[in-house]
N, C-alpha and C. Protein backbone atom coordinates (compact mmCIF):
# COMPACT_ATOMS: atom_id res chain seq x y z
N UNK A 1 41.22 188.62 97.81
CA UNK A 1 40.29 187.88 98.87
C UNK A 1 39.01 187.59 97.71
N UNK A 2 38.55 186.55 98.36
CA UNK A 2 37.65 185.35 97.40
C UNK A 2 36.26 185.99 97.94
N UNK A 3 35.42 186.64 96.94
CA UNK A 3 34.06 187.20 97.06
C UNK A 3 32.77 186.35 97.61
N UNK A 4 32.22 185.86 98.30
CA UNK A 4 31.41 184.71 98.18
C UNK A 4 29.75 185.16 97.24
N UNK A 5 29.28 184.72 96.51
CA UNK A 5 28.21 184.58 96.09
C UNK A 5 26.73 183.99 96.60
N UNK A 6 26.33 184.69 96.87
CA UNK A 6 25.04 184.91 97.55
C UNK A 6 23.80 185.52 97.24
N UNK A 7 22.43 185.49 97.24
CA UNK A 7 21.57 186.79 96.74
C UNK A 7 21.03 187.01 98.72
N UNK A 8 21.23 187.97 98.95
CA UNK A 8 21.12 188.74 100.34
C UNK A 8 19.43 188.10 99.93
N UNK A 9 19.15 187.68 101.40
CA UNK A 9 17.61 187.44 101.98
C UNK A 9 16.73 188.67 101.45
N UNK A 10 17.28 189.66 101.94
CA UNK A 10 16.10 191.15 102.03
C UNK A 10 15.89 191.73 100.57
N UNK A 11 16.07 190.84 99.44
CA UNK A 11 15.96 191.01 98.03
C UNK A 11 14.54 190.91 98.03
N UNK A 12 14.13 189.72 99.16
CA UNK A 12 12.61 189.17 98.97
C UNK A 12 11.45 190.50 98.85
N UNK A 13 12.05 191.83 99.63
CA UNK A 13 11.15 192.43 100.20
C UNK A 13 10.70 193.57 99.03
N UNK A 14 11.70 193.07 98.07
CA UNK A 14 11.28 193.88 96.61
C UNK A 14 10.69 193.05 95.81
N UNK A 15 10.43 191.61 96.24
CA UNK A 15 9.78 190.82 95.15
C UNK A 15 7.79 191.37 95.26
N UNK A 16 7.42 191.48 93.94
CA UNK A 16 5.82 192.38 94.07
C UNK A 16 4.59 191.18 94.68
N UNK A 17 5.02 189.92 94.74
CA UNK A 17 4.09 189.50 95.04
C UNK A 17 4.04 189.91 96.87
N UNK A 18 5.06 190.05 97.31
CA UNK A 18 5.27 190.40 98.94
C UNK A 18 5.02 188.98 99.63
N UNK A 19 5.80 187.81 99.12
CA UNK A 19 5.26 186.81 99.55
C UNK A 19 5.43 186.60 101.27
N UNK A 20 4.81 186.36 101.92
CA UNK A 20 5.04 186.50 103.44
C UNK A 20 6.06 186.18 104.12
N UNK A 21 6.61 184.81 103.61
CA UNK A 21 8.08 184.35 104.43
C UNK A 21 9.16 184.64 103.93
N UNK A 22 9.95 185.38 104.07
CA UNK A 22 11.04 185.74 104.05
C UNK A 22 11.83 184.47 103.79
N UNK A 23 11.92 183.18 103.21
CA UNK A 23 12.72 181.95 102.77
C UNK A 23 13.39 182.01 101.06
N UNK A 24 13.98 181.71 100.68
CA UNK A 24 13.93 181.35 99.54
C UNK A 24 13.57 179.98 98.68
N UNK A 25 13.84 179.19 99.83
CA UNK A 25 13.35 177.25 99.84
C UNK A 25 11.74 177.67 100.12
N UNK A 26 11.41 178.53 101.17
CA UNK A 26 9.90 178.33 101.25
C UNK A 26 9.08 179.01 100.00
N UNK A 27 9.47 180.17 99.34
CA UNK A 27 8.76 180.28 98.05
C UNK A 27 8.98 179.63 97.01
N UNK A 28 10.09 178.61 96.62
CA UNK A 28 10.03 177.96 95.61
C UNK A 28 9.35 176.82 95.36
N UNK A 29 9.56 176.49 97.15
CA UNK A 29 8.44 175.32 97.46
C UNK A 29 7.02 175.19 97.18
N UNK A 30 6.60 176.60 97.44
CA UNK A 30 5.02 177.23 97.26
C UNK A 30 4.40 177.75 96.01
N UNK A 31 5.92 178.78 95.44
CA UNK A 31 5.31 179.46 94.45
C UNK A 31 5.46 178.88 92.80
N UNK A 32 6.91 177.71 92.84
CA UNK A 32 7.59 177.43 92.23
C UNK A 32 7.15 175.96 91.55
N UNK A 33 6.63 175.59 90.39
CA UNK A 33 6.52 174.67 89.87
C UNK A 33 7.62 173.72 89.53
N UNK A 34 7.05 171.79 90.00
CA UNK A 34 8.77 171.31 89.50
C UNK A 34 9.57 171.49 88.33
N UNK A 35 8.22 171.58 87.26
CA UNK A 35 9.39 171.67 86.11
C UNK A 35 9.82 173.23 85.99
N UNK A 36 9.62 173.83 86.60
CA UNK A 36 9.89 175.38 86.56
C UNK A 36 11.68 175.31 86.90
N UNK A 37 11.26 174.51 88.21
CA UNK A 37 12.68 174.13 89.15
C UNK A 37 13.57 173.51 88.58
N UNK A 38 13.13 172.45 87.60
CA UNK A 38 13.89 172.09 86.98
C UNK A 38 15.00 172.54 85.83
N UNK A 39 13.88 173.64 85.18
CA UNK A 39 14.33 174.44 83.84
C UNK A 39 15.41 175.17 84.71
N UNK A 40 15.10 176.05 85.30
CA UNK A 40 15.87 176.93 86.15
C UNK A 40 17.36 176.14 86.31
N UNK A 41 17.52 175.05 87.50
CA UNK A 41 18.41 174.09 87.49
C UNK A 41 19.47 174.08 85.93
N UNK A 42 18.53 173.23 84.93
CA UNK A 42 19.20 173.10 84.09
C UNK A 42 20.06 174.50 83.01
N UNK A 43 19.32 175.55 83.57
CA UNK A 43 19.70 176.91 82.65
C UNK A 43 20.78 177.14 83.41
N UNK A 44 21.03 177.09 84.90
CA UNK A 44 22.31 177.68 86.05
C UNK A 44 23.32 176.69 85.71
N UNK A 45 23.09 175.58 85.46
CA UNK A 45 23.71 174.12 85.02
C UNK A 45 24.47 174.11 83.53
N UNK A 46 24.31 174.57 82.44
CA UNK A 46 24.22 174.51 80.93
C UNK A 46 25.14 173.15 80.78
N UNK A 47 24.66 172.94 79.74
CA UNK A 47 25.54 171.52 79.15
C UNK A 47 26.63 172.31 78.18
N UNK A 48 27.73 172.12 78.18
CA UNK A 48 28.92 173.21 77.53
C UNK A 48 29.75 172.45 76.58
N UNK A 49 30.00 172.67 75.48
CA UNK A 49 30.87 172.00 74.59
C UNK A 49 32.14 172.97 74.17
N UNK A 50 33.02 172.22 73.68
CA UNK A 50 34.73 172.92 73.36
C UNK A 50 34.52 172.35 71.75
N UNK A 51 34.89 173.74 71.19
CA UNK A 51 35.38 173.10 69.82
C UNK A 51 36.64 174.17 69.79
N UNK A 52 37.51 173.35 69.06
CA UNK A 52 38.93 174.40 68.93
C UNK A 52 38.87 174.05 70.48
N UNK A 53 39.49 175.53 70.75
CA UNK A 53 39.77 176.16 71.89
C UNK A 53 38.67 177.31 72.66
N UNK A 54 37.65 177.00 71.87
CA UNK A 54 36.42 177.93 72.38
C UNK A 54 35.32 176.87 72.98
N UNK A 55 34.70 177.46 74.36
CA UNK A 55 34.20 177.04 74.82
C UNK A 55 32.35 177.39 74.22
N UNK A 56 31.62 176.54 74.25
CA UNK A 56 29.84 176.66 73.75
C UNK A 56 29.15 176.65 74.91
N UNK A 57 27.81 177.24 74.68
CA UNK A 57 26.56 176.28 75.37
C UNK A 57 25.98 175.76 73.69
N UNK A 58 25.95 174.30 74.40
CA UNK A 58 25.87 173.29 73.42
C UNK A 58 24.82 173.58 72.97
N UNK A 59 23.46 173.88 73.74
CA UNK A 59 22.16 174.64 72.73
C UNK A 59 22.29 175.79 72.07
N UNK A 60 23.11 176.34 71.40
CA UNK A 60 23.19 177.45 71.01
C UNK A 60 24.68 177.08 69.96
N UNK A 61 24.85 175.62 69.52
CA UNK A 61 25.26 175.24 68.75
C UNK A 61 25.04 175.37 67.09
N UNK A 62 23.48 175.27 66.94
CA UNK A 62 23.09 175.85 65.62
C UNK A 62 23.20 177.11 64.96
N UNK A 63 24.12 177.91 65.94
CA UNK A 63 24.66 179.13 65.50
C UNK A 63 26.09 179.34 65.12
N UNK A 64 26.36 177.82 65.23
CA UNK A 64 27.73 178.19 64.80
C UNK A 64 27.57 177.68 63.17
N UNK A 65 26.39 177.93 62.27
CA UNK A 65 26.30 177.22 61.28
C UNK A 65 26.82 178.63 60.46
N UNK A 66 27.46 178.85 59.27
CA UNK A 66 28.51 179.51 58.81
C UNK A 66 30.16 179.70 59.07
N UNK A 67 30.24 180.48 58.76
CA UNK A 67 32.38 180.16 59.42
C UNK A 67 32.14 181.87 60.30
N UNK A 68 31.47 181.78 61.37
CA UNK A 68 32.06 183.02 62.20
C UNK A 68 33.42 183.28 62.62
N UNK A 69 34.50 182.47 62.38
CA UNK A 69 35.58 182.24 62.55
C UNK A 69 36.58 183.37 61.42
N UNK A 70 35.74 183.46 60.18
CA UNK A 70 35.71 184.76 58.73
C UNK A 70 34.97 185.67 59.88
N UNK A 71 33.91 185.71 60.60
CA UNK A 71 32.88 187.16 60.88
C UNK A 71 34.19 187.85 62.04
N UNK A 72 34.28 187.05 63.00
CA UNK A 72 35.40 187.65 64.16
C UNK A 72 36.57 187.02 64.13
N UNK A 73 37.15 186.85 63.10
CA UNK A 73 38.51 187.05 62.75
C UNK A 73 39.34 185.26 64.06
N UNK A 74 40.19 185.62 64.49
CA UNK A 74 40.71 184.80 65.84
C UNK A 74 40.70 185.17 67.29
N UNK A 75 39.28 185.83 67.19
CA UNK A 75 38.82 186.22 68.62
C UNK A 75 38.19 185.60 68.91
N UNK A 76 38.78 184.55 70.38
CA UNK A 76 37.74 183.48 70.57
C UNK A 76 37.18 184.26 71.59
N UNK A 77 37.31 185.28 72.11
CA UNK A 77 36.80 185.93 73.13
C UNK A 77 35.36 186.25 72.85
N UNK A 78 35.40 187.01 71.85
CA UNK A 78 34.79 187.73 70.88
C UNK A 78 33.55 186.35 70.85
N UNK A 79 33.88 185.80 69.37
CA UNK A 79 33.17 184.58 69.06
C UNK A 79 32.33 184.08 70.23
N UNK A 80 32.89 183.57 71.41
CA UNK A 80 32.05 183.06 72.70
C UNK A 80 31.25 183.78 73.33
N UNK A 81 31.37 184.84 73.20
CA UNK A 81 30.56 186.22 73.70
C UNK A 81 29.22 186.54 73.19
N UNK A 82 29.84 186.25 71.36
CA UNK A 82 28.30 186.23 70.65
C UNK A 82 27.58 185.11 70.64
N UNK A 83 28.02 183.72 70.61
CA UNK A 83 27.33 182.44 70.48
C UNK A 83 26.71 182.42 72.25
N UNK A 84 27.13 182.87 72.96
CA UNK A 84 26.76 182.39 74.58
C UNK A 84 26.21 183.50 75.14
N UNK A 85 25.74 184.38 73.88
CA UNK A 85 24.86 185.45 74.90
C UNK A 85 23.33 185.52 75.27
N UNK A 86 23.16 185.83 76.87
CA UNK A 86 21.68 185.52 77.00
C UNK A 86 21.45 187.33 77.22
N UNK A 87 20.93 187.73 76.49
CA UNK A 87 19.90 189.13 76.62
C UNK A 87 18.63 188.77 77.54
N UNK A 88 18.79 189.73 78.93
CA UNK A 88 18.24 189.76 79.77
C UNK A 88 16.86 190.45 79.46
N UNK A 89 16.99 191.35 78.86
CA UNK A 89 15.65 192.23 78.32
C UNK A 89 14.89 191.35 77.37
N UNK A 90 14.94 190.77 76.27
CA UNK A 90 14.27 189.75 76.02
C UNK A 90 14.21 188.62 76.77
N UNK A 91 14.54 188.19 77.68
CA UNK A 91 13.87 186.63 78.48
C UNK A 91 12.87 186.29 78.49
N UNK A 92 12.04 187.44 79.20
CA UNK A 92 10.77 186.77 79.65
C UNK A 92 9.94 187.49 78.94
N UNK A 93 10.09 188.03 77.52
CA UNK A 93 9.48 187.82 76.72
C UNK A 93 7.69 187.70 76.74
N UNK A 94 7.54 185.92 76.90
CA UNK A 94 6.32 185.12 77.01
C UNK A 94 6.22 184.83 78.39
N UNK A 95 7.20 185.00 79.43
CA UNK A 95 6.77 184.79 80.95
C UNK A 95 6.62 186.22 81.22
N UNK A 96 6.15 187.22 80.87
CA UNK A 96 6.40 188.93 81.55
C UNK A 96 5.31 188.85 82.93
N UNK A 97 5.66 189.00 84.16
CA UNK A 97 5.36 189.72 85.36
C UNK A 97 5.77 190.93 86.06
N UNK A 98 5.12 191.39 86.87
CA UNK A 98 5.76 192.43 87.07
C UNK A 98 7.15 192.63 87.83
N UNK A 99 7.44 191.20 88.31
CA UNK A 99 9.22 191.32 88.64
C UNK A 99 9.93 191.45 87.49
N UNK A 100 9.55 191.13 86.36
CA UNK A 100 10.70 191.05 85.06
C UNK A 100 10.40 192.83 84.36
N UNK A 101 9.84 193.25 84.98
CA UNK A 101 9.97 194.68 84.38
C UNK A 101 10.52 195.67 85.45
N UNK A 102 10.91 195.18 86.29
CA UNK A 102 11.35 195.74 87.38
C UNK A 102 13.19 195.91 87.06
N UNK A 103 13.55 196.95 86.77
CA UNK A 103 15.11 197.13 86.50
C UNK A 103 15.86 196.31 87.74
N UNK A 104 15.91 197.07 89.22
CA UNK A 104 16.29 196.42 90.27
C UNK A 104 16.56 194.67 90.43
N UNK A 105 15.59 194.09 89.69
CA UNK A 105 15.46 192.67 90.00
C UNK A 105 16.39 192.16 88.98
N UNK A 106 15.89 193.26 87.67
CA UNK A 106 16.96 192.66 86.46
C UNK A 106 17.72 192.54 86.75
N UNK A 107 19.30 193.88 87.46
CA UNK A 107 20.61 194.09 87.90
C UNK A 107 20.51 192.90 88.44
N UNK A 108 19.89 192.66 89.65
CA UNK A 108 20.05 191.34 90.59
C UNK A 108 20.04 190.28 89.90
N UNK A 109 19.60 190.03 89.01
CA UNK A 109 19.58 188.62 88.18
C UNK A 109 20.69 188.75 87.20
N UNK A 110 21.29 190.03 86.80
CA UNK A 110 22.56 189.93 85.85
C UNK A 110 23.50 189.70 87.01
């Protein structure tokens, strides 16, 4: 059975901002700037690059300096996981707000 990917609109009830209109489109149109919207879109649709049999986020390629194959052997899955890692607990260090410390909302992001 195919699982549908969606974000339940009732999640907005947990937003600390208590935005009055229960609509993601309306929220983004009124609370998120154009630069933020484009940046999030770029993050959700990142450039990827294939090196050998591995798939990497292009922006993380500088991490490949050194011989990571020596470090991880031929374990492609572990190498990809290491290079493509995004740690949510560190993600909002500079843009922290009330929602970014809400564990429930962070799990929804994950």
